[in-house]
Amino acid sequence: MKERQFPRARVDCLSREFSNEVLVYDLQRDVGHCLNSTAAAAWKLCDGNSSPPQIARTLSRQLSTRVDEAVVLLALDQLAAAHLLVEPEVPVERLSRRVALRRIGIAAAVALPLVTSIVAPTPAQAASCVPFNQLCANSGQCCPPLLCVLNRCI
């Protein structure tokens, strides 16, 4: 349960800040995650030494508004689901978004953390095919079911 009490962000991910959001790329899973300002602020405070109540107090100071501990718990659950935290040895119970909204109240819904993820395509998936009657070097470049004949996809 210590991991839940003192969450720690993974350090083997690449991150880059864009205005008030953070883009985190997981090199192990080839997945990119966009963290909104609340989720990004919570993720940055996951140093392994701060508890959720401490993170909530720090976020309240940083954002100049009261941040409930339920918001932090929701952020931690989303970050853990996205594999952006060091995984706990003992599984923790996740707080559902519905339960968090009931605890937080509708007025605070704008401050809810949001983690959006996208899987990066492999080079083969990212490659475009050559359309009909365009130049090609081999049939692998042509859009199926076309073949490269005399350096043209036909």
N, C-alpha and C. Protein backbone atom coordinates (compact mmCIF):
# COMPACT_ATOMS: atom_id res chain seq x y z
N MET A 1 0.81 -1.19 0.00
CA MET A 1 0.00 0.00 0.00
C MET A 1 0.85 1.26 0.00
N LYS A 2 2.13 1.14 0.27
CA LYS A 2 3.04 2.28 0.29
C LYS A 2 3.08 2.99 -1.06
N GLU A 3 2.99 2.22 -2.17
CA GLU A 3 3.05 2.82 -3.49
C GLU A 3 1.87 3.77 -3.71
N ARG A 4 0.72 3.42 -3.15
CA ARG A 4 -0.46 4.27 -3.28
C ARG A 4 -0.30 5.52 -2.42
N GLN A 5 0.33 5.35 -1.25
CA GLN A 5 0.49 6.47 -0.34
C GLN A 5 1.53 7.45 -0.85
N PHE A 6 2.55 6.94 -1.54
CA PHE A 6 3.63 7.79 -2.05
C PHE A 6 3.92 7.44 -3.51
N PRO A 7 3.06 7.88 -4.43
CA PRO A 7 3.23 7.51 -5.85
C PRO A 7 4.51 8.10 -6.44
N ARG A 8 5.08 7.35 -7.38
CA ARG A 8 6.32 7.78 -8.02
C ARG A 8 6.17 7.67 -9.53
N ALA A 9 6.46 8.78 -10.23
CA ALA A 9 6.39 8.80 -11.69
C ALA A 9 7.55 8.01 -12.27
N ARG A 10 7.30 7.36 -13.40
CA ARG A 10 8.38 6.66 -14.10
C ARG A 10 9.34 7.68 -14.69
N VAL A 11 10.62 7.39 -14.60
CA VAL A 11 11.63 8.33 -15.12
C VAL A 11 12.15 7.90 -16.49
N ASP A 12 11.71 6.75 -16.99
CA ASP A 12 12.19 6.25 -18.28
C ASP A 12 11.29 6.68 -19.44
N CYS A 13 10.46 7.68 -19.24
CA CYS A 13 9.59 8.21 -20.29
C CYS A 13 10.12 9.58 -20.71
N LEU A 14 9.89 9.91 -21.97
CA LEU A 14 10.24 11.24 -22.46
C LEU A 14 9.05 12.16 -22.22
N SER A 15 9.33 13.41 -21.84
CA SER A 15 8.22 14.34 -21.62
C SER A 15 8.58 15.70 -22.20
N ARG A 16 7.55 16.40 -22.63
CA ARG A 16 7.73 17.75 -23.19
C ARG A 16 6.50 18.57 -22.84
N GLU A 17 6.75 19.79 -22.37
CA GLU A 17 5.66 20.68 -21.99
C GLU A 17 5.22 21.54 -23.17
N PHE A 18 3.91 21.66 -23.32
CA PHE A 18 3.30 22.53 -24.33
C PHE A 18 2.28 23.38 -23.60
N SER A 19 2.58 24.65 -23.42
CA SER A 19 1.78 25.60 -22.63
C SER A 19 1.40 24.97 -21.29
N ASN A 20 0.14 24.61 -21.08
CA ASN A 20 -0.23 24.04 -19.78
C ASN A 20 -0.46 22.53 -19.83
N GLU A 21 -0.07 21.87 -20.91
CA GLU A 21 -0.18 20.42 -21.02
C GLU A 21 1.20 19.80 -21.14
N VAL A 22 1.26 18.51 -20.88
CA VAL A 22 2.52 17.78 -20.99
C VAL A 22 2.28 16.55 -21.87
N LEU A 23 3.17 16.36 -22.82
CA LEU A 23 3.15 15.17 -23.66
C LEU A 23 4.21 14.22 -23.12
N VAL A 24 3.79 13.00 -22.79
CA VAL A 24 4.69 11.99 -22.23
C VAL A 24 4.71 10.81 -23.19
N TYR A 25 5.91 10.40 -23.60
CA TYR A 25 6.04 9.26 -24.51
C TYR A 25 6.68 8.10 -23.77
N ASP A 26 5.98 6.98 -23.72
CA ASP A 26 6.45 5.77 -23.07
C ASP A 26 7.25 4.97 -24.08
N LEU A 27 8.56 4.95 -23.92
CA LEU A 27 9.45 4.26 -24.86
C LEU A 27 9.28 2.75 -24.82
N GLN A 28 8.90 2.19 -23.68
CA GLN A 28 8.73 0.75 -23.57
C GLN A 28 7.49 0.25 -24.29
N ARG A 29 6.43 1.04 -24.27
CA ARG A 29 5.16 0.61 -24.85
C ARG A 29 4.83 1.31 -26.17
N ASP A 30 5.66 2.27 -26.60
CA ASP A 30 5.40 3.06 -27.82
C ASP A 30 4.01 3.70 -27.78
N VAL A 31 3.74 4.36 -26.67
CA VAL A 31 2.46 5.03 -26.48
C VAL A 31 2.72 6.46 -26.03
N GLY A 32 2.00 7.40 -26.62
CA GLY A 32 2.08 8.79 -26.21
C GLY A 32 0.88 9.15 -25.37
N HIS A 33 1.09 9.99 -24.36
CA HIS A 33 0.02 10.41 -23.46
C HIS A 33 0.03 11.93 -23.36
N CYS A 34 -1.12 12.53 -23.51
CA CYS A 34 -1.27 13.97 -23.33
C CYS A 34 -1.95 14.19 -21.98
N LEU A 35 -1.27 14.90 -21.09
CA LEU A 35 -1.80 15.18 -19.76
C LEU A 35 -2.28 16.62 -19.71
N ASN A 36 -3.53 16.83 -19.31
CA ASN A 36 -4.00 18.20 -19.16
C ASN A 36 -3.30 18.83 -17.96
N SER A 37 -3.56 20.09 -17.70
CA SER A 37 -2.80 20.81 -16.68
C SER A 37 -2.90 20.17 -15.30
N THR A 38 -4.08 19.67 -14.93
CA THR A 38 -4.25 19.05 -13.62
C THR A 38 -3.50 17.74 -13.53
N ALA A 39 -3.64 16.89 -14.55
CA ALA A 39 -2.94 15.60 -14.55
C ALA A 39 -1.43 15.81 -14.62
N ALA A 40 -0.99 16.79 -15.42
CA ALA A 40 0.44 17.07 -15.55
C ALA A 40 1.02 17.56 -14.23
N ALA A 41 0.30 18.45 -13.56
CA ALA A 41 0.78 18.97 -12.27
C ALA A 41 0.87 17.84 -11.24
N ALA A 42 -0.13 16.95 -11.24
CA ALA A 42 -0.10 15.82 -10.30
C ALA A 42 1.06 14.89 -10.63
N TRP A 43 1.26 14.60 -11.92
CA TRP A 43 2.33 13.69 -12.34
C TRP A 43 3.71 14.22 -11.92
N LYS A 44 3.90 15.53 -12.07
CA LYS A 44 5.18 16.13 -11.70
C LYS A 44 5.44 16.05 -10.20
N LEU A 45 4.38 15.96 -9.41
CA LEU A 45 4.53 15.89 -7.95
C LEU A 45 4.68 14.46 -7.44
N CYS A 46 4.60 13.48 -8.33
CA CYS A 46 4.75 12.07 -7.93
C CYS A 46 6.24 11.74 -7.82
N ASP A 47 6.82 12.10 -6.69
CA ASP A 47 8.25 11.91 -6.49
C ASP A 47 8.58 10.75 -5.56
N GLY A 48 7.56 10.04 -5.09
CA GLY A 48 7.78 8.93 -4.18
C GLY A 48 7.87 9.37 -2.73
N ASN A 49 7.83 10.68 -2.49
CA ASN A 49 7.91 11.21 -1.13
C ASN A 49 6.66 11.95 -0.70
N SER A 50 5.75 12.20 -1.64
CA SER A 50 4.53 12.97 -1.36
C SER A 50 3.31 12.05 -1.39
N SER A 51 2.45 12.19 -0.39
CA SER A 51 1.21 11.42 -0.33
C SER A 51 0.13 12.17 -1.11
N PRO A 52 -0.98 11.51 -1.45
CA PRO A 52 -2.07 12.21 -2.14
C PRO A 52 -2.55 13.47 -1.41
N PRO A 53 -2.71 13.46 -0.07
CA PRO A 53 -3.10 14.72 0.58
C PRO A 53 -2.05 15.83 0.41
N GLN A 54 -0.78 15.46 0.46
CA GLN A 54 0.29 16.45 0.26
C GLN A 54 0.25 16.98 -1.18
N ILE A 55 0.03 16.09 -2.14
CA ILE A 55 -0.06 16.50 -3.54
C ILE A 55 -1.25 17.44 -3.73
N ALA A 56 -2.38 17.14 -3.07
CA ALA A 56 -3.57 18.00 -3.17
C ALA A 56 -3.27 19.40 -2.62
N ARG A 57 -2.58 19.47 -1.50
CA ARG A 57 -2.24 20.78 -0.92
C ARG A 57 -1.31 21.56 -1.85
N THR A 58 -0.31 20.88 -2.41
CA THR A 58 0.62 21.55 -3.32
C THR A 58 -0.09 22.02 -4.58
N LEU A 59 -0.96 21.17 -5.13
CA LEU A 59 -1.74 21.56 -6.31
C LEU A 59 -2.64 22.76 -6.01
N SER A 60 -3.23 22.78 -4.82
CA SER A 60 -4.08 23.91 -4.44
C SER A 60 -3.29 25.21 -4.46
N ARG A 61 -2.05 25.15 -3.97
CA ARG A 61 -1.21 26.35 -3.99
C ARG A 61 -0.82 26.73 -5.42
N GLN A 62 -0.43 25.72 -6.23
CA GLN A 62 0.01 25.98 -7.60
C GLN A 62 -1.11 26.52 -8.48
N LEU A 63 -2.31 25.96 -8.34
CA LEU A 63 -3.42 26.33 -9.20
C LEU A 63 -4.28 27.45 -8.63
N SER A 64 -3.94 27.90 -7.42
CA SER A 64 -4.67 28.98 -6.74
C SER A 64 -6.17 28.68 -6.60
N THR A 65 -6.47 27.43 -6.38
CA THR A 65 -7.85 27.01 -6.14
C THR A 65 -7.80 25.73 -5.33
N ARG A 66 -8.86 25.46 -4.58
CA ARG A 66 -8.88 24.26 -3.74
C ARG A 66 -8.96 23.02 -4.63
N VAL A 67 -8.02 22.12 -4.44
CA VAL A 67 -8.01 20.84 -5.16
C VAL A 67 -8.28 19.75 -4.13
N ASP A 68 -9.38 19.06 -4.30
CA ASP A 68 -9.77 18.00 -3.39
C ASP A 68 -8.89 16.78 -3.58
N GLU A 69 -8.70 16.02 -2.52
CA GLU A 69 -7.89 14.80 -2.60
C GLU A 69 -8.48 13.81 -3.60
N ALA A 70 -9.80 13.83 -3.79
CA ALA A 70 -10.44 12.93 -4.76
C ALA A 70 -9.96 13.22 -6.18
N VAL A 71 -9.67 14.49 -6.47
CA VAL A 71 -9.13 14.85 -7.79
C VAL A 71 -7.75 14.23 -7.95
N VAL A 72 -6.94 14.29 -6.90
CA VAL A 72 -5.59 13.71 -6.95
C VAL A 72 -5.69 12.19 -7.11
N LEU A 73 -6.59 11.56 -6.38
CA LEU A 73 -6.75 10.11 -6.49
C LEU A 73 -7.19 9.71 -7.90
N LEU A 74 -8.07 10.50 -8.49
CA LEU A 74 -8.50 10.24 -9.86
C LEU A 74 -7.32 10.39 -10.82
N ALA A 75 -6.52 11.44 -10.63
CA ALA A 75 -5.33 11.63 -11.46
C ALA A 75 -4.37 10.47 -11.31
N LEU A 76 -4.14 10.03 -10.09
CA LEU A 76 -3.23 8.91 -9.85
C LEU A 76 -3.74 7.63 -10.50
N ASP A 77 -5.05 7.42 -10.44
CA ASP A 77 -5.62 6.23 -11.08
C ASP A 77 -5.44 6.28 -12.59
N GLN A 78 -5.65 7.45 -13.19
CA GLN A 78 -5.49 7.58 -14.64
C GLN A 78 -4.02 7.43 -15.04
N LEU A 79 -3.13 8.02 -14.25
CA LEU A 79 -1.70 7.89 -14.53
C LEU A 79 -1.24 6.44 -14.38
N ALA A 80 -1.75 5.76 -13.37
CA ALA A 80 -1.40 4.34 -13.18
C ALA A 80 -1.96 3.50 -14.33
N ALA A 81 -3.18 3.78 -14.76
CA ALA A 81 -3.78 3.03 -15.87
C ALA A 81 -3.00 3.25 -17.16
N ALA A 82 -2.38 4.43 -17.31
CA ALA A 82 -1.57 4.73 -18.49
C ALA A 82 -0.13 4.25 -18.32
N HIS A 83 0.15 3.59 -17.20
CA HIS A 83 1.49 3.05 -16.90
C HIS A 83 2.54 4.15 -16.79
N LEU A 84 2.15 5.32 -16.28
CA LEU A 84 3.09 6.41 -16.11
C LEU A 84 3.64 6.52 -14.69
N LEU A 85 3.16 5.64 -13.82
CA LEU A 85 3.68 5.57 -12.46
C LEU A 85 4.39 4.24 -12.27
N VAL A 86 5.34 4.22 -11.35
CA VAL A 86 5.99 2.95 -11.01
C VAL A 86 4.89 2.05 -10.47
N GLU A 87 4.78 0.86 -11.05
CA GLU A 87 3.68 -0.02 -10.71
C GLU A 87 3.82 -0.57 -9.30
N PRO A 88 2.73 -0.51 -8.53
CA PRO A 88 2.78 -1.04 -7.17
C PRO A 88 2.87 -2.56 -7.17
N GLU A 89 3.50 -3.09 -6.14
CA GLU A 89 3.59 -4.55 -6.01
C GLU A 89 2.24 -5.15 -5.68
N VAL A 90 1.43 -4.40 -4.94
CA VAL A 90 0.10 -4.84 -4.56
C VAL A 90 -0.90 -4.01 -5.36
N PRO A 91 -1.82 -4.68 -6.10
CA PRO A 91 -2.81 -3.92 -6.88
C PRO A 91 -3.64 -3.01 -5.97
N VAL A 92 -3.95 -1.82 -6.47
CA VAL A 92 -4.75 -0.88 -5.69
C VAL A 92 -6.13 -0.76 -6.31
N GLU A 93 -7.10 -0.44 -5.47
CA GLU A 93 -8.47 -0.26 -5.95
C GLU A 93 -8.55 1.07 -6.69
N ARG A 94 -9.12 1.04 -7.88
CA ARG A 94 -9.23 2.25 -8.69
C ARG A 94 -10.51 3.01 -8.35
N LEU A 95 -10.40 4.32 -8.37
CA LEU A 95 -11.53 5.20 -8.14
C LEU A 95 -12.17 5.49 -9.50
N SER A 96 -13.46 5.18 -9.65
CA SER A 96 -14.10 5.43 -10.94
C SER A 96 -14.36 6.92 -11.12
N ARG A 97 -14.45 7.33 -12.35
CA ARG A 97 -14.71 8.74 -12.65
C ARG A 97 -16.06 9.16 -12.08
N ARG A 98 -17.03 8.26 -12.12
CA ARG A 98 -18.36 8.55 -11.60
C ARG A 98 -18.31 8.80 -10.09
N VAL A 99 -17.60 7.95 -9.37
CA VAL A 99 -17.48 8.12 -7.92
C VAL A 99 -16.72 9.40 -7.61
N ALA A 100 -15.67 9.67 -8.38
CA ALA A 100 -14.90 10.90 -8.16
C ALA A 100 -15.77 12.13 -8.37
N LEU A 101 -16.61 12.12 -9.41
CA LEU A 101 -17.50 13.26 -9.66
C LEU A 101 -18.48 13.46 -8.51
N ARG A 102 -18.97 12.36 -7.95
CA ARG A 102 -19.89 12.48 -6.81
C ARG A 102 -19.18 13.10 -5.62
N ARG A 103 -17.93 12.67 -5.38
CA ARG A 103 -17.18 13.20 -4.23
C ARG A 103 -16.78 14.66 -4.45
N ILE A 104 -16.39 14.98 -5.66
CA ILE A 104 -15.87 16.32 -5.95
C ILE A 104 -17.01 17.31 -6.12
N GLY A 105 -18.05 16.90 -6.81
CA GLY A 105 -19.16 17.81 -7.11
C GLY A 105 -19.01 18.34 -8.52
N ILE A 106 -20.10 18.72 -9.11
CA ILE A 106 -20.12 19.19 -10.49
C ILE A 106 -19.33 20.48 -10.66
N ALA A 107 -19.32 21.35 -9.66
CA ALA A 107 -18.64 22.65 -9.79
C ALA A 107 -17.16 22.50 -10.09
N ALA A 108 -16.54 21.45 -9.62
CA ALA A 108 -15.10 21.27 -9.81
C ALA A 108 -14.77 20.46 -11.04
N ALA A 109 -15.75 20.15 -11.87
CA ALA A 109 -15.52 19.28 -13.02
C ALA A 109 -14.50 19.83 -14.00
N VAL A 110 -14.33 21.14 -14.08
CA VAL A 110 -13.36 21.72 -15.01
C VAL A 110 -11.92 21.40 -14.59
N ALA A 111 -11.70 21.08 -13.33
CA ALA A 111 -10.35 20.81 -12.83
C ALA A 111 -10.01 19.33 -12.87
N LEU A 112 -10.91 18.51 -13.42
CA LEU A 112 -10.65 17.07 -13.42
C LEU A 112 -9.44 16.74 -14.29
N PRO A 113 -8.61 15.83 -13.82
CA PRO A 113 -7.45 15.42 -14.61
C PRO A 113 -7.88 14.60 -15.81
N LEU A 114 -7.11 14.73 -16.88
CA LEU A 114 -7.42 13.98 -18.09
C LEU A 114 -6.12 13.50 -18.71
N VAL A 115 -6.05 12.19 -18.96
CA VAL A 115 -4.91 11.58 -19.64
C VAL A 115 -5.44 10.95 -20.92
N THR A 116 -4.98 11.46 -22.06
CA THR A 116 -5.38 10.95 -23.36
C THR A 116 -4.19 10.22 -23.96
N SER A 117 -4.40 8.99 -24.42
CA SER A 117 -3.30 8.17 -24.93
C SER A 117 -3.51 7.79 -26.38
N ILE A 118 -2.39 7.62 -27.10
CA ILE A 118 -2.43 7.17 -28.49
C ILE A 118 -1.24 6.26 -28.72
N VAL A 119 -1.47 5.17 -29.42
CA VAL A 119 -0.41 4.22 -29.72
C VAL A 119 0.33 4.69 -30.97
N ALA A 120 1.65 4.71 -30.91
CA ALA A 120 2.45 5.11 -32.06
C ALA A 120 2.48 3.98 -33.09
N PRO A 121 2.31 4.28 -34.37
CA PRO A 121 2.34 3.22 -35.38
C PRO A 121 3.76 2.72 -35.60
N THR A 122 3.86 1.48 -36.03
CA THR A 122 5.16 0.94 -36.41
C THR A 122 5.55 1.60 -37.73
N PRO A 123 6.82 1.57 -38.13
CA PRO A 123 7.20 2.17 -39.41
C PRO A 123 6.40 1.61 -40.58
N ALA A 124 6.11 0.32 -40.55
CA ALA A 124 5.34 -0.29 -41.65
C ALA A 124 3.92 0.26 -41.68
N GLN A 125 3.32 0.49 -40.50
CA GLN A 125 1.97 1.02 -40.45
C GLN A 125 1.92 2.49 -40.84
N ALA A 126 2.99 3.20 -40.58
CA ALA A 126 3.03 4.63 -40.86
C ALA A 126 3.32 4.93 -42.33
N ALA A 127 3.84 3.96 -43.05
CA ALA A 127 4.21 4.19 -44.45
C ALA A 127 2.96 4.32 -45.32
N SER A 128 3.04 5.19 -46.31
CA SER A 128 1.95 5.36 -47.28
C SER A 128 2.23 4.50 -48.50
N CYS A 129 1.17 4.07 -49.16
CA CYS A 129 1.36 3.29 -50.37
C CYS A 129 1.28 4.20 -51.60
N VAL A 130 1.85 3.73 -52.69
CA VAL A 130 1.87 4.48 -53.95
C VAL A 130 0.60 4.13 -54.73
N PRO A 131 -0.18 5.15 -55.15
CA PRO A 131 -1.44 4.88 -55.86
C PRO A 131 -1.22 4.46 -57.32
N PHE A 132 -2.31 4.13 -57.98
CA PHE A 132 -2.32 3.64 -59.35
C PHE A 132 -1.58 4.60 -60.29
N ASN A 133 -0.75 4.02 -61.15
CA ASN A 133 -0.03 4.69 -62.23
C ASN A 133 1.03 5.70 -61.76
N GLN A 134 1.45 5.57 -60.51
CA GLN A 134 2.52 6.44 -60.00
C GLN A 134 3.83 5.66 -59.99
N LEU A 135 4.95 6.36 -59.94
CA LEU A 135 6.27 5.72 -59.97
C LEU A 135 6.51 4.87 -58.74
N CYS A 136 7.18 3.73 -58.95
CA CYS A 136 7.52 2.83 -57.85
C CYS A 136 8.83 2.12 -58.16
N ALA A 137 9.43 1.56 -57.13
CA ALA A 137 10.67 0.80 -57.30
C ALA A 137 10.40 -0.69 -57.15
N ASN A 138 9.38 -1.04 -56.33
CA ASN A 138 9.02 -2.45 -56.16
C ASN A 138 7.55 -2.54 -55.78
N SER A 139 6.98 -3.73 -55.84
CA SER A 139 5.55 -3.94 -55.60
C SER A 139 5.15 -3.66 -54.16
N GLY A 140 6.10 -3.74 -53.25
CA GLY A 140 5.82 -3.46 -51.84
C GLY A 140 5.42 -2.02 -51.61
N GLN A 141 5.78 -1.12 -52.50
CA GLN A 141 5.43 0.29 -52.37
C GLN A 141 4.01 0.58 -52.86
N CYS A 142 3.46 -0.27 -53.71
CA CYS A 142 2.16 -0.03 -54.34
C CYS A 142 1.02 -0.37 -53.38
N CYS A 143 -0.07 0.39 -53.49
CA CYS A 143 -1.27 0.10 -52.70
C CYS A 143 -1.84 -1.23 -53.18
N PRO A 144 -2.24 -2.10 -52.25
CA PRO A 144 -2.84 -3.37 -52.66
C PRO A 144 -4.09 -3.12 -53.48
N PRO A 145 -4.41 -3.87 -54.46
CA PRO A 145 -3.74 -5.07 -54.99
C PRO A 145 -2.80 -4.75 -56.16
N LEU A 146 -2.31 -3.50 -56.24
CA LEU A 146 -1.47 -3.09 -57.35
C LEU A 146 -0.09 -3.74 -57.27
N LEU A 147 0.54 -3.86 -58.45
CA LEU A 147 1.90 -4.39 -58.55
C LEU A 147 2.76 -3.36 -59.28
N CYS A 148 4.05 -3.38 -59.01
CA CYS A 148 4.98 -2.47 -59.68
C CYS A 148 5.42 -3.13 -60.98
N VAL A 149 4.96 -2.57 -62.10
CA VAL A 149 5.31 -3.09 -63.42
C VAL A 149 5.92 -1.95 -64.22
N LEU A 150 7.15 -2.14 -64.68
CA LEU A 150 7.87 -1.12 -65.43
C LEU A 150 7.91 0.22 -64.67
N ASN A 151 8.20 0.10 -63.37
CA ASN A 151 8.32 1.26 -62.47
C ASN A 151 7.04 2.10 -62.34
N ARG A 152 5.88 1.45 -62.52
CA ARG A 152 4.58 2.08 -62.32
C ARG A 152 3.68 1.13 -61.53
N CYS A 153 2.90 1.66 -60.60
CA CYS A 153 1.95 0.83 -59.85
C CYS A 153 0.72 0.59 -60.72
N ILE A 154 0.51 -0.68 -61.08
CA ILE A 154 -0.59 -1.04 -61.97
C ILE A 154 -1.37 -2.19 -61.34
